[in-house]
Amino acid sequence: QVQLVESGGGLVQPGGSLRLSCAASGFTFNSYAMSWYRQAPGKERELVAVISSGRGTINYADSMKGRFTISRDNAKNTVYLQMNSLKPEDTAVYYCNAKYLTGSEYWGQGTQVNVSS
C-alpha cells in the first residue's frame, strides 16, 4: 500500500522557519521524482519544489528560491522541505507528491502551515 505521510507543519511567526518531512512507503522511492506543492485557501495548487530521482536535480518556484530547500534521503525514503524566512503568504496546505517517468503519481494528505503573528 502506497503511503506518503507529511509532518512538520504548524503555526510560525513571520520570519520563522519550519521543516516539513514526507515519509514514503509502498513504492520504489529512489525511482520517483519527489515534489512539494501547496494550496492556499481559494487558490489553485502550485508547485513549490521538485527533486528528481537519480542525480537529484532540483527546481524551485521563483517565489521560493533562496528561502526554501528541498532534499531527499533515499535510505530513509523521506523527502524534506526546509522553509526559512516565512511570510504570511506562505500559509497553505503543503502536499508531498511522488511521480514516476511513466506519469504515475501519488499524493500525501497534506500538512497545514500557518504563518501569522
PDB file of N, CA and C in Angstrom:
ATOM      1  N   GLN A   1       0.845  -1.199   0.000  1.00  0.00           N
ATOM      2  CA  GLN A   1       0.000   0.000   0.000  1.00  0.00           C
ATOM      3  C   GLN A   1       0.881   1.250   0.000  1.00  0.00           C
ATOM      4  N   VAL A   2       0.642   2.113  -0.970  1.00  0.00           N
ATOM      5  CA  VAL A   2       1.421   3.339  -1.079  1.00  0.00           C
ATOM      6  C   VAL A   2       0.973   4.341  -0.027  1.00  0.00           C
ATOM      7  N   GLN A   3       1.954   4.918   0.644  1.00  0.00           N
ATOM      8  CA  GLN A   3       1.672   5.972   1.608  1.00  0.00           C
ATOM      9  C   GLN A   3       2.691   7.086   1.493  1.00  0.00           C
ATOM     10  N   LEU A   4       2.202   8.306   1.552  1.00  0.00           N
ATOM     11  CA  LEU A   4       3.024   9.497   1.695  1.00  0.00           C
ATOM     12  C   LEU A   4       2.470  10.240   2.893  1.00  0.00           C
ATOM     13  N   VAL A   5       3.274  10.360   3.925  1.00  0.00           N
ATOM     14  CA  VAL A   5       2.802  10.952   5.172  1.00  0.00           C
ATOM     15  C   VAL A   5       3.631  12.194   5.487  1.00  0.00           C
ATOM     16  N   GLU A   6       2.979  13.345   5.378  1.00  0.00           N
ATOM     17  CA  GLU A   6       3.651  14.603   5.666  1.00  0.00           C
ATOM     18  C   GLU A   6       3.583  14.921   7.157  1.00  0.00           C
ATOM     19  N   SER A   7       4.591  15.625   7.631  1.00  0.00           N
ATOM     20  CA  SER A   7       4.609  16.099   9.004  1.00  0.00           C
ATOM     21  C   SER A   7       5.455  17.357   9.096  1.00  0.00           C
ATOM     22  N   GLY A   8       5.348  18.042  10.227  1.00  0.00           N
ATOM     23  CA  GLY A   8       6.181  19.208  10.450  1.00  0.00           C
ATOM     24  C   GLY A   8       5.483  20.545  10.285  1.00  0.00           C
ATOM     25  N   GLY A   9       4.246  20.523   9.855  1.00  0.00           N
ATOM     26  CA  GLY A   9       3.513  21.777   9.721  1.00  0.00           C
ATOM     27  C   GLY A   9       3.141  22.357  11.068  1.00  0.00           C
ATOM     28  N   GLY A  10       2.602  23.565  11.040  1.00  0.00           N
ATOM     29  CA  GLY A  10       2.185  24.205  12.278  1.00  0.00           C
ATOM     30  C   GLY A  10       2.098  25.699  12.120  1.00  0.00           C
ATOM     31  N   LEU A  11       2.048  26.368  13.258  1.00  0.00           N
ATOM     32  CA  LEU A  11       1.961  27.821  13.293  1.00  0.00           C
ATOM     33  C   LEU A  11       3.342  28.407  13.565  1.00  0.00           C
ATOM     34  N   VAL A  12       3.720  29.377  12.757  1.00  0.00           N
ATOM     35  CA  VAL A  12       5.018  30.024  12.929  1.00  0.00           C
ATOM     36  C   VAL A  12       4.858  31.513  12.661  1.00  0.00           C
ATOM     37  N   GLN A  13       5.676  32.312  13.323  1.00  0.00           N
ATOM     38  CA  GLN A  13       5.625  33.752  13.106  1.00  0.00           C
ATOM     39  C   GLN A  13       6.337  34.140  11.821  1.00  0.00           C
ATOM     40  N   PRO A  14       5.961  35.247  11.235  1.00  0.00           N
ATOM     41  CA  PRO A  14       6.688  35.718  10.044  1.00  0.00           C
ATOM     42  C   PRO A  14       8.176  35.823  10.330  1.00  0.00           C
ATOM     43  N   GLY A  15       8.964  35.367   9.361  1.00  0.00           N
ATOM     44  CA  GLY A  15      10.410  35.342   9.528  1.00  0.00           C
ATOM     45  C   GLY A  15      10.931  34.049  10.116  1.00  0.00           C
ATOM     46  N   GLY A  16      10.028  33.210  10.588  1.00  0.00           N
ATOM     47  CA  GLY A  16      10.421  31.955  11.203  1.00  0.00           C
ATOM     48  C   GLY A  16      10.694  30.853  10.190  1.00  0.00           C
ATOM     49  N   SER A  17      10.968  29.667  10.721  1.00  0.00           N
ATOM     50  CA  SER A  17      11.329  28.521   9.890  1.00  0.00           C
ATOM     51  C   SER A  17      10.529  27.288  10.296  1.00  0.00           C
ATOM     52  N   LEU A  18      10.328  26.425   9.326  1.00  0.00           N
ATOM     53  CA  LEU A  18       9.750  25.108   9.555  1.00  0.00           C
ATOM     54  C   LEU A  18      10.439  24.108   8.644  1.00  0.00           C
ATOM     55  N   ARG A  19      10.463  22.868   9.090  1.00  0.00           N
ATOM     56  CA  ARG A  19      10.977  21.791   8.256  1.00  0.00           C
ATOM     57  C   ARG A  19       9.889  20.747   8.106  1.00  0.00           C
ATOM     58  N   LEU A  20       9.447  20.567   6.876  1.00  0.00           N
ATOM     59  CA  LEU A  20       8.452  19.547   6.575  1.00  0.00           C
ATOM     60  C   LEU A  20       9.136  18.256   6.170  1.00  0.00           C
ATOM     61  N   SER A  21       8.523  17.153   6.542  1.00  0.00           N
ATOM     62  CA  SER A  21       9.007  15.839   6.149  1.00  0.00           C
ATOM     63  C   SER A  21       7.889  15.071   5.466  1.00  0.00           C
ATOM     64  N   CYS A  22       8.270  14.193   4.564  1.00  0.00           N
ATOM     65  CA  CYS A  22       7.311  13.320   3.897  1.00  0.00           C
ATOM     66  C   CYS A  22       7.911  11.918   3.867  1.00  0.00           C
ATOM     67  N   ALA A  23       7.326  11.048   4.653  1.00  0.00           N
ATOM     68  CA  ALA A  23       7.793   9.670   4.712  1.00  0.00           C
ATOM     69  C   ALA A  23       7.015   8.823   3.718  1.00  0.00           C
ATOM     70  N   ALA A  24       7.734   8.129   2.862  1.00  0.00           N
ATOM     71  CA  ALA A  24       7.119   7.346   1.788  1.00  0.00           C
ATOM     72  C   ALA A  24       7.257   5.857   2.045  1.00  0.00           C
ATOM     73  N   SER A  25       6.279   5.105   1.582  1.00  0.00           N
ATOM     74  CA  SER A  25       6.335   3.651   1.677  1.00  0.00           C
ATOM     75  C   SER A  25       5.447   3.048   0.596  1.00  0.00           C
ATOM     76  N   GLY A  26       5.734   1.810   0.254  1.00  0.00           N
ATOM     77  CA  GLY A  26       4.886   1.086  -0.689  1.00  0.00           C
ATOM     78  C   GLY A  26       5.275   1.218  -2.143  1.00  0.00           C
ATOM     79  N   PHE A  27       6.364   1.912  -2.434  1.00  0.00           N
ATOM     80  CA  PHE A  27       6.848   2.015  -3.808  1.00  0.00           C
ATOM     81  C   PHE A  27       8.359   2.236  -3.761  1.00  0.00           C
ATOM     82  N   THR A  28       8.987   2.152  -4.936  1.00  0.00           N
ATOM     83  CA  THR A  28      10.447   2.281  -5.012  1.00  0.00           C
ATOM     84  C   THR A  28      10.801   3.763  -4.983  1.00  0.00           C
ATOM     85  N   PHE A  29      11.011   4.267  -3.792  1.00  0.00           N
ATOM     86  CA  PHE A  29      11.169   5.704  -3.552  1.00  0.00           C
ATOM     87  C   PHE A  29      12.247   6.315  -4.438  1.00  0.00           C
ATOM     88  N   ASN A  30      13.401   5.679  -4.541  1.00  0.00           N
ATOM     89  CA  ASN A  30      14.513   6.328  -5.247  1.00  0.00           C
ATOM     90  C   ASN A  30      14.312   6.374  -6.761  1.00  0.00           C
ATOM     91  N   SER A  31      13.246   5.774  -7.251  1.00  0.00           N
ATOM     92  CA  SER A  31      12.946   5.828  -8.681  1.00  0.00           C
ATOM     93  C   SER A  31      11.956   6.936  -9.037  1.00  0.00           C
ATOM     94  N   TYR A  32      11.489   7.640  -8.038  1.00  0.00           N
ATOM     95  CA  TYR A  32      10.466   8.654  -8.239  1.00  0.00           C
ATOM     96  C   TYR A  32      11.014  10.062  -7.998  1.00  0.00           C
ATOM     97  N   ALA A  33      10.608  10.982  -8.849  1.00  0.00           N
ATOM     98  CA  ALA A  33      10.811  12.385  -8.544  1.00  0.00           C
ATOM     99  C   ALA A  33       9.872  12.762  -7.403  1.00  0.00           C
ATOM    100  N   MET A  34      10.379  13.557  -6.494  1.00  0.00           N
ATOM    101  CA  MET A  34       9.589  13.961  -5.330  1.00  0.00           C
ATOM    102  C   MET A  34       9.406  15.472  -5.352  1.00  0.00           C
ATOM    103  N   SER A  35       8.209  15.886  -5.045  1.00  0.00           N
ATOM    104  CA  SER A  35       7.882  17.307  -5.095  1.00  0.00           C
ATOM    105  C   SER A  35       7.088  17.718  -3.876  1.00  0.00           C
ATOM    106  N   TRP A  36       7.139  19.007  -3.620  1.00  0.00           N
ATOM    107  CA  TRP A  36       6.242  19.643  -2.667  1.00  0.00           C
ATOM    108  C   TRP A  36       5.367  20.622  -3.446  1.00  0.00           C
ATOM    109  N   TYR A  37       4.094  20.563  -3.168  1.00  0.00           N
ATOM    110  CA  TYR A  37       3.119  21.514  -3.686  1.00  0.00           C
ATOM    111  C   TYR A  37       2.451  22.195  -2.489  1.00  0.00           C
ATOM    112  N   ARG A  38       1.781  23.275  -2.777  1.00  0.00           N
ATOM    113  CA  ARG A  38       0.993  23.912  -1.732  1.00  0.00           C
ATOM    114  C   ARG A  38      -0.293  24.473  -2.317  1.00  0.00           C
ATOM    115  N   GLN A  39      -1.280  24.591  -1.448  1.00  0.00           N
ATOM    116  CA  GLN A  39      -2.553  25.159  -1.864  1.00  0.00           C
ATOM    117  C   GLN A  39      -3.075  26.064  -0.758  1.00  0.00           C
ATOM    118  N   ALA A  40      -3.174  27.335  -1.092  1.00  0.00           N
ATOM    119  CA  ALA A  40      -3.711  28.316  -0.163  1.00  0.00           C
ATOM    120  C   ALA A  40      -5.224  28.403  -0.340  1.00  0.00           C
ATOM    121  N   PRO A  41      -5.938  28.869   0.677  1.00  0.00           N
ATOM    122  CA  PRO A  41      -7.401  28.971   0.565  1.00  0.00           C
ATOM    123  C   PRO A  41      -7.818  29.799  -0.654  1.00  0.00           C
ATOM    124  N   GLY A  42      -8.700  29.229  -1.442  1.00  0.00           N
ATOM    125  CA  GLY A  42      -9.219  29.932  -2.603  1.00  0.00           C
ATOM    126  C   GLY A  42      -8.288  29.986  -3.798  1.00  0.00           C
ATOM    127  N   LYS A  43      -7.166  29.290  -3.707  1.00  0.00           N
ATOM    128  CA  LYS A  43      -6.195  29.309  -4.800  1.00  0.00           C
ATOM    129  C   LYS A  43      -5.940  27.904  -5.318  1.00  0.00           C
ATOM    130  N   GLU A  44      -5.377  27.838  -6.503  1.00  0.00           N
ATOM    131  CA  GLU A  44      -5.034  26.550  -7.088  1.00  0.00           C
ATOM    132  C   GLU A  44      -3.769  25.991  -6.435  1.00  0.00           C
ATOM    133  N   ARG A  45      -3.641  24.690  -6.495  1.00  0.00           N
ATOM    134  CA  ARG A  45      -2.434  24.057  -6.004  1.00  0.00           C
ATOM    135  C   ARG A  45      -1.262  24.465  -6.891  1.00  0.00           C
ATOM    136  N   GLU A  46      -0.131  24.782  -6.277  1.00  0.00           N
ATOM    137  CA  GLU A  46       1.039  25.214  -7.036  1.00  0.00           C
ATOM    138  C   GLU A  46       2.273  24.438  -6.609  1.00  0.00           C
ATOM    139  N   LEU A  47       3.183  24.290  -7.566  1.00  0.00           N
ATOM    140  CA  LEU A  47       4.435  23.602  -7.298  1.00  0.00           C
ATOM    141  C   LEU A  47       5.341  24.491  -6.454  1.00  0.00           C
ATOM    142  N   VAL A  48       5.934  23.895  -5.434  1.00  0.00           N
ATOM    143  CA  VAL A  48       6.904  24.598  -4.592  1.00  0.00           C
ATOM    144  C   VAL A  48       8.321  24.235  -5.027  1.00  0.00           C
ATOM    145  N   ALA A  49       8.607  22.937  -5.078  1.00  0.00           N
ATOM    146  CA  ALA A  49       9.945  22.470  -5.409  1.00  0.00           C
ATOM    147  C   ALA A  49       9.875  21.017  -5.835  1.00  0.00           C
ATOM    148  N   VAL A  50      10.844  20.605  -6.642  1.00  0.00           N
ATOM    149  CA  VAL A  50      10.918  19.220  -7.100  1.00  0.00           C
ATOM    150  C   VAL A  50      12.371  18.779  -7.079  1.00  0.00           C
ATOM    151  N   ILE A  51      12.563  17.534  -6.693  1.00  0.00           N
ATOM    152  CA  ILE A  51      13.887  16.916  -6.727  1.00  0.00           C
ATOM    153  C   ILE A  51      13.764  15.602  -7.480  1.00  0.00           C
ATOM    154  N   SER A  52      14.597  15.442  -8.482  1.00  0.00           N
ATOM    155  CA  SER A  52      14.473  14.289  -9.353  1.00  0.00           C
ATOM    156  C   SER A  52      15.001  13.037  -8.683  1.00  0.00           C
ATOM    157  N   SER A  53      14.677  11.895  -9.280  1.00  0.00           N
ATOM    158  CA  SER A  53      15.340  10.659  -8.901  1.00  0.00           C
ATOM    159  C   SER A  53      16.750  10.687  -9.487  1.00  0.00           C
ATOM    160  N   GLY A  54      17.535   9.701  -9.177  1.00  0.00           N
ATOM    161  CA  GLY A  54      18.876   9.637  -9.757  1.00  0.00           C
ATOM    162  C   GLY A  54      19.772  10.760  -9.262  1.00  0.00           C
ATOM    163  N   ARG A  55      20.066  11.724 -10.118  1.00  0.00           N
ATOM    164  CA  ARG A  55      21.018  12.786  -9.783  1.00  0.00           C
ATOM    165  C   ARG A  55      20.486  13.765  -8.756  1.00  0.00           C
ATOM    166  N   GLY A  56      19.207  13.767  -8.524  1.00  0.00           N
ATOM    167  CA  GLY A  56      18.656  14.691  -7.545  1.00  0.00           C
ATOM    168  C   GLY A  56      18.644  16.128  -8.031  1.00  0.00           C
ATOM    169  N   THR A  57      18.371  16.324  -9.289  1.00  0.00           N
ATOM    170  CA  THR A  57      18.261  17.684  -9.834  1.00  0.00           C
ATOM    171  C   THR A  57      17.085  18.397  -9.177  1.00  0.00           C
ATOM    172  N   ILE A  58      17.315  19.662  -8.831  1.00  0.00           N
ATOM    173  CA  ILE A  58      16.336  20.420  -8.045  1.00  0.00           C
ATOM    174  C   ILE A  58      15.859  21.640  -8.814  1.00  0.00           C
ATOM    175  N   ASN A  59      14.573  21.899  -8.692  1.00  0.00           N
ATOM    176  CA  ASN A  59      13.993  23.124  -9.233  1.00  0.00           C
ATOM    177  C   ASN A  59      12.992  23.689  -8.231  1.00  0.00           C
ATOM    178  N   TYR A  60      12.943  25.010  -8.208  1.00  0.00           N
ATOM    179  CA  TYR A  60      12.045  25.715  -7.291  1.00  0.00           C
ATOM    180  C   TYR A  60      11.150  26.679  -8.065  1.00  0.00           C
ATOM    181  N   ALA A  61       9.970  26.911  -7.496  1.00  0.00           N
ATOM    182  CA  ALA A  61       9.173  28.015  -7.990  1.00  0.00           C
ATOM    183  C   ALA A  61       9.910  29.311  -7.668  1.00  0.00           C
ATOM    184  N   ASP A  62       9.777  30.296  -8.515  1.00  0.00           N
ATOM    185  CA  ASP A  62      10.544  31.526  -8.367  1.00  0.00           C
ATOM    186  C   ASP A  62      10.362  32.174  -7.002  1.00  0.00           C
ATOM    187  N   SER A  63       9.160  32.161  -6.477  1.00  0.00           N
ATOM    188  CA  SER A  63       8.890  32.856  -5.221  1.00  0.00           C
ATOM    189  C   SER A  63       9.503  32.152  -4.015  1.00  0.00           C
ATOM    190  N   MET A  64       9.961  30.924  -4.205  1.00  0.00           N
ATOM    191  CA  MET A  64      10.541  30.163  -3.100  1.00  0.00           C
ATOM    192  C   MET A  64      12.068  30.107  -3.149  1.00  0.00           C
ATOM    193  N   LYS A  65      12.628  30.518  -4.283  1.00  0.00           N
ATOM    194  CA  LYS A  65      14.077  30.435  -4.426  1.00  0.00           C
ATOM    195  C   LYS A  65      14.771  31.259  -3.357  1.00  0.00           C
ATOM    196  N   GLY A  66      15.779  30.660  -2.730  1.00  0.00           N
ATOM    197  CA  GLY A  66      16.540  31.349  -1.703  1.00  0.00           C
ATOM    198  C   GLY A  66      15.954  31.229  -0.315  1.00  0.00           C
ATOM    199  N   ARG A  67      14.699  30.797  -0.216  1.00  0.00           N
ATOM    200  CA  ARG A  67      14.087  30.659   1.106  1.00  0.00           C
ATOM    201  C   ARG A  67      13.797  29.207   1.455  1.00  0.00           C
ATOM    202  N   PHE A  68      13.473  28.407   0.442  1.00  0.00           N
ATOM    203  CA  PHE A  68      13.103  27.017   0.665  1.00  0.00           C
ATOM    204  C   PHE A  68      14.188  26.098   0.114  1.00  0.00           C
ATOM    205  N   THR A  69      14.382  24.957   0.768  1.00  0.00           N
ATOM    206  CA  THR A  69      15.341  23.960   0.318  1.00  0.00           C
ATOM    207  C   THR A  69      14.699  22.581   0.367  1.00  0.00           C
ATOM    208  N   ILE A  70      14.690  21.931  -0.774  1.00  0.00           N
ATOM    209  CA  ILE A  70      14.179  20.554  -0.833  1.00  0.00           C
ATOM    210  C   ILE A  70      15.355  19.594  -0.807  1.00  0.00           C
ATOM    211  N   SER A  71      15.169  18.477  -0.146  1.00  0.00           N
ATOM    212  CA  SER A  71      16.206  17.446  -0.113  1.00  0.00           C
ATOM    213  C   SER A  71      15.521  16.090   0.059  1.00  0.00           C
ATOM    214  N   ARG A  72      16.283  15.057  -0.210  1.00  0.00           N
ATOM    215  CA  ARG A  72      15.742  13.713  -0.060  1.00  0.00           C
ATOM    216  C   ARG A  72      16.795  12.806   0.564  1.00  0.00           C
ATOM    217  N   ASP A  73      16.320  11.830   1.314  1.00  0.00           N
ATOM    218  CA  ASP A  73      17.177  10.807   1.895  1.00  0.00           C
ATOM    219  C   ASP A  73      16.630   9.469   1.416  1.00  0.00           C
ATOM    220  N   ASN A  74      17.252   8.924   0.399  1.00  0.00           N
ATOM    221  CA  ASN A  74      16.749   7.681  -0.187  1.00  0.00           C
ATOM    222  C   ASN A  74      16.862   6.504   0.776  1.00  0.00           C
ATOM    223  N   ALA A  75      17.795   6.570   1.692  1.00  0.00           N
ATOM    224  CA  ALA A  75      17.939   5.491   2.676  1.00  0.00           C
ATOM    225  C   ALA A  75      16.764   5.480   3.657  1.00  0.00           C
ATOM    226  N   LYS A  76      16.166   6.656   3.863  1.00  0.00           N
ATOM    227  CA  LYS A  76      15.045   6.762   4.796  1.00  0.00           C
ATOM    228  C   LYS A  76      13.708   6.908   4.076  1.00  0.00           C
ATOM    229  N   ASN A  77      13.743   6.888   2.748  1.00  0.00           N
ATOM    230  CA  ASN A  77      12.506   7.069   1.960  1.00  0.00           C
ATOM    231  C   ASN A  77      11.766   8.327   2.388  1.00  0.00           C
ATOM    232  N   THR A  78      12.502   9.392   2.527  1.00  0.00           N
ATOM    233  CA  THR A  78      11.924  10.631   3.039  1.00  0.00           C
ATOM    234  C   THR A  78      12.406  11.822   2.219  1.00  0.00           C
ATOM    235  N   VAL A  79      11.480  12.737   1.985  1.00  0.00           N
ATOM    236  CA  VAL A  79      11.813  14.000   1.339  1.00  0.00           C
ATOM    237  C   VAL A  79      11.488  15.122   2.323  1.00  0.00           C
ATOM    238  N   TYR A  80      12.298  16.159   2.286  1.00  0.00           N
ATOM    239  CA  TYR A  80      12.179  17.255   3.238  1.00  0.00           C
ATOM    240  C   TYR A  80      11.981  18.578   2.506  1.00  0.00           C
ATOM    241  N   LEU A  81      11.391  19.510   3.219  1.00  0.00           N
ATOM    242  CA  LEU A  81      11.314  20.882   2.733  1.00  0.00           C
ATOM    243  C   LEU A  81      11.654  21.797   3.900  1.00  0.00           C
ATOM    244  N   GLN A  82      12.834  22.407   3.821  1.00  0.00           N
ATOM    245  CA  GLN A  82      13.244  23.392   4.808  1.00  0.00           C
ATOM    246  C   GLN A  82      12.748  24.754   4.339  1.00  0.00           C
ATOM    247  N   MET A  83      11.957  25.400   5.182  1.00  0.00           N
ATOM    248  CA  MET A  83      11.374  26.686   4.815  1.00  0.00           C
ATOM    249  C   MET A  83      11.861  27.752   5.790  1.00  0.00           C
ATOM    250  N   ASN A  84      12.549  28.739   5.260  1.00  0.00           N
ATOM    251  CA  ASN A  84      13.076  29.838   6.069  1.00  0.00           C
ATOM    252  C   ASN A  84      12.432  31.156   5.642  1.00  0.00           C
ATOM    253  N   SER A  85      12.591  32.150   6.497  1.00  0.00           N
ATOM    254  CA  SER A  85      12.065  33.498   6.202  1.00  0.00           C
ATOM    255  C   SER A  85      10.615  33.429   5.753  1.00  0.00           C
ATOM    256  N   LEU A  86       9.832  32.717   6.511  1.00  0.00           N
ATOM    257  CA  LEU A  86       8.441  32.501   6.119  1.00  0.00           C
ATOM    258  C   LEU A  86       7.635  33.790   6.170  1.00  0.00           C
ATOM    259  N   LYS A  87       6.690  33.882   5.234  1.00  0.00           N
ATOM    260  CA  LYS A  87       5.839  35.050   5.091  1.00  0.00           C
ATOM    261  C   LYS A  87       4.379  34.632   5.265  1.00  0.00           C
ATOM    262  N   PRO A  88       3.525  35.554   5.617  1.00  0.00           N
ATOM    263  CA  PRO A  88       2.099  35.199   5.731  1.00  0.00           C
ATOM    264  C   PRO A  88       1.547  34.564   4.452  1.00  0.00           C
ATOM    265  N   GLU A  89       2.040  34.984   3.301  1.00  0.00           N
ATOM    266  CA  GLU A  89       1.549  34.422   2.044  1.00  0.00           C
ATOM    267  C   GLU A  89       2.022  33.000   1.802  1.00  0.00           C
ATOM    268  N   ASP A  90       2.885  32.486   2.669  1.00  0.00           N
ATOM    269  CA  ASP A  90       3.267  31.070   2.584  1.00  0.00           C
ATOM    270  C   ASP A  90       2.251  30.172   3.276  1.00  0.00           C
ATOM    271  N   THR A  91       1.276  30.764   3.944  1.00  0.00           N
ATOM    272  CA  THR A  91       0.233  29.985   4.589  1.00  0.00           C
ATOM    273  C   THR A  91      -0.515  29.148   3.567  1.00  0.00           C
ATOM    274  N   ALA A  92      -0.564  27.841   3.798  1.00  0.00           N
ATOM    275  CA  ALA A  92      -1.180  26.920   2.848  1.00  0.00           C
ATOM    276  C   ALA A  92      -1.132  25.510   3.415  1.00  0.00           C
ATOM    277  N   VAL A  93      -1.813  24.615   2.736  1.00  0.00           N
ATOM    278  CA  VAL A  93      -1.614  23.190   2.978  1.00  0.00           C
ATOM    279  C   VAL A  93      -0.511  22.734   2.033  1.00  0.00           C
ATOM    280  N   TYR A  94       0.483  22.076   2.578  1.00  0.00           N
ATOM    281  CA  TYR A  94       1.630  21.615   1.800  1.00  0.00           C
ATOM    282  C   TYR A  94       1.498  20.118   1.564  1.00  0.00           C
ATOM    283  N   TYR A  95       1.615  19.739   0.299  1.00  0.00           N
ATOM    284  CA  TYR A  95       1.428  18.356  -0.119  1.00  0.00           C
ATOM    285  C   TYR A  95       2.717  17.778  -0.682  1.00  0.00           C
ATOM    286  N   CYS A  96       2.938  16.529  -0.374  1.00  0.00           N
ATOM    287  CA  CYS A  96       4.043  15.767  -0.934  1.00  0.00           C
ATOM    288  C   CYS A  96       3.530  15.002  -2.157  1.00  0.00           C
ATOM    289  N   ASN A  97       4.359  14.934  -3.182  1.00  0.00           N
ATOM    290  CA  ASN A  97       3.984  14.235  -4.420  1.00  0.00           C
ATOM    291  C   ASN A  97       5.143  13.364  -4.886  1.00  0.00           C
ATOM    292  N   ALA A  98       4.813  12.178  -5.327  1.00  0.00           N
ATOM    293  CA  ALA A  98       5.790  11.273  -5.937  1.00  0.00           C
ATOM    294  C   ALA A  98       5.351  10.996  -7.364  1.00  0.00           C
ATOM    295  N   LYS A  99       6.254  11.143  -8.305  1.00  0.00           N
ATOM    296  CA  LYS A  99       5.903  10.949  -9.711  1.00  0.00           C
ATOM    297  C   LYS A  99       6.959  10.140 -10.430  1.00  0.00           C
ATOM    298  N   TYR A 100       6.481   9.139 -11.192  1.00  0.00           N
ATOM    299  CA  TYR A 100       7.388   8.276 -11.955  1.00  0.00           C
ATOM    300  C   TYR A 100       7.467   8.768 -13.400  1.00  0.00           C
ATOM    301  N   LEU A 101       8.454   8.292 -14.125  1.00  0.00           N
ATOM    302  CA  LEU A 101       8.656   8.721 -15.517  1.00  0.00           C
ATOM    303  C   LEU A 101       7.441   8.433 -16.393  1.00  0.00           C
ATOM    304  N   THR A 102       6.718   7.360 -16.075  1.00  0.00           N
ATOM    305  CA  THR A 102       5.554   6.982 -16.882  1.00  0.00           C
ATOM    306  C   THR A 102       4.359   7.892 -16.614  1.00  0.00           C
ATOM    307  N   GLY A 103       4.459   8.696 -15.582  1.00  0.00           N
ATOM    308  CA  GLY A 103       3.373   9.607 -15.249  1.00  0.00           C
ATOM    309  C   GLY A 103       2.557   9.193 -14.043  1.00  0.00           C
ATOM    310  N   SER A 104       2.736   7.973 -13.583  1.00  0.00           N
ATOM    311  CA  SER A 104       2.004   7.559 -12.376  1.00  0.00           C
ATOM    312  C   SER A 104       2.483   8.385 -11.195  1.00  0.00           C
ATOM    313  N   GLU A 105       1.553   8.759 -10.343  1.00  0.00           N
ATOM    314  CA  GLU A 105       1.937   9.607  -9.227  1.00  0.00           C
ATOM    315  C   GLU A 105       1.070   9.339  -8.011  1.00  0.00           C
ATOM    316  N   TYR A 106       1.604   9.750  -6.871  1.00  0.00           N
ATOM    317  CA  TYR A 106       0.921   9.596  -5.599  1.00  0.00           C
ATOM    318  C   TYR A 106       0.966  10.918  -4.850  1.00  0.00           C
ATOM    319  N   TRP A 107      -0.041  11.112  -3.994  1.00  0.00           N
ATOM    320  CA  TRP A 107      -0.143  12.331  -3.200  1.00  0.00           C
ATOM    321  C   TRP A 107      -0.296  11.999  -1.721  1.00  0.00           C
ATOM    322  N   GLY A 108       0.284  12.836  -0.891  1.00  0.00           N
ATOM    323  CA  GLY A 108       0.028  12.756   0.527  1.00  0.00           C
ATOM    324  C   GLY A 108      -1.243  13.506   0.884  1.00  0.00           C
ATOM    325  N   GLN A 109      -1.589  13.472   2.162  1.00  0.00           N
ATOM    326  CA  GLN A 109      -2.813  14.110   2.643  1.00  0.00           C
ATOM    327  C   GLN A 109      -2.610  15.590   2.945  1.00  0.00           C
ATOM    328  N   GLY A 110      -1.378  16.006   3.073  1.00  0.00           N
ATOM    329  CA  GLY A 110      -1.098  17.418   3.307  1.00  0.00           C
ATOM    330  C   GLY A 110      -0.847  17.743   4.766  1.00  0.00           C
ATOM    331  N   THR A 111      -0.097  18.817   4.973  1.00  0.00           N
ATOM    332  CA  THR A 111       0.156  19.331   6.314  1.00  0.00           C
ATOM    333  C   THR A 111      -0.040  20.843   6.269  1.00  0.00           C
ATOM    334  N   GLN A 112      -0.720  21.367   7.265  1.00  0.00           N
ATOM    335  CA  GLN A 112      -1.062  22.783   7.283  1.00  0.00           C
ATOM    336  C   GLN A 112       0.084  23.614   7.821  1.00  0.00           C
ATOM    337  N   VAL A 113       0.403  24.674   7.105  1.00  0.00           N
ATOM    338  CA  VAL A 113       1.383  25.656   7.559  1.00  0.00           C
ATOM    339  C   VAL A 113       0.682  26.999   7.678  1.00  0.00           C
ATOM    340  N   ASN A 114       0.759  27.578   8.846  1.00  0.00           N
ATOM    341  CA  ASN A 114       0.184  28.902   9.098  1.00  0.00           C
ATOM    342  C   ASN A 114       1.281  29.851   9.529  1.00  0.00           C
ATOM    343  N   VAL A 115       1.416  30.948   8.808  1.00  0.00           N
ATOM    344  CA  VAL A 115       2.417  31.961   9.133  1.00  0.00           C
ATOM    345  C   VAL A 115       1.669  33.213   9.575  1.00  0.00           C
ATOM    346  N   SER A 116       1.757  33.485  10.860  1.00  0.00           N
ATOM    347  CA  SER A 116       0.982  34.591  11.409  1.00  0.00           C
ATOM    348  C   SER A 116       1.599  35.067  12.721  1.00  0.00           C
ATOM    349  N   SER A 117       1.452  36.359  12.960  1.00  0.00           N
ATOM    350  CA  SER A 117       1.914  36.901  14.241  1.00  0.00           C
ATOM    351  C   SER A 117       0.779  36.904  15.264  1.00  0.00           C
TER     352      SER A 117
END
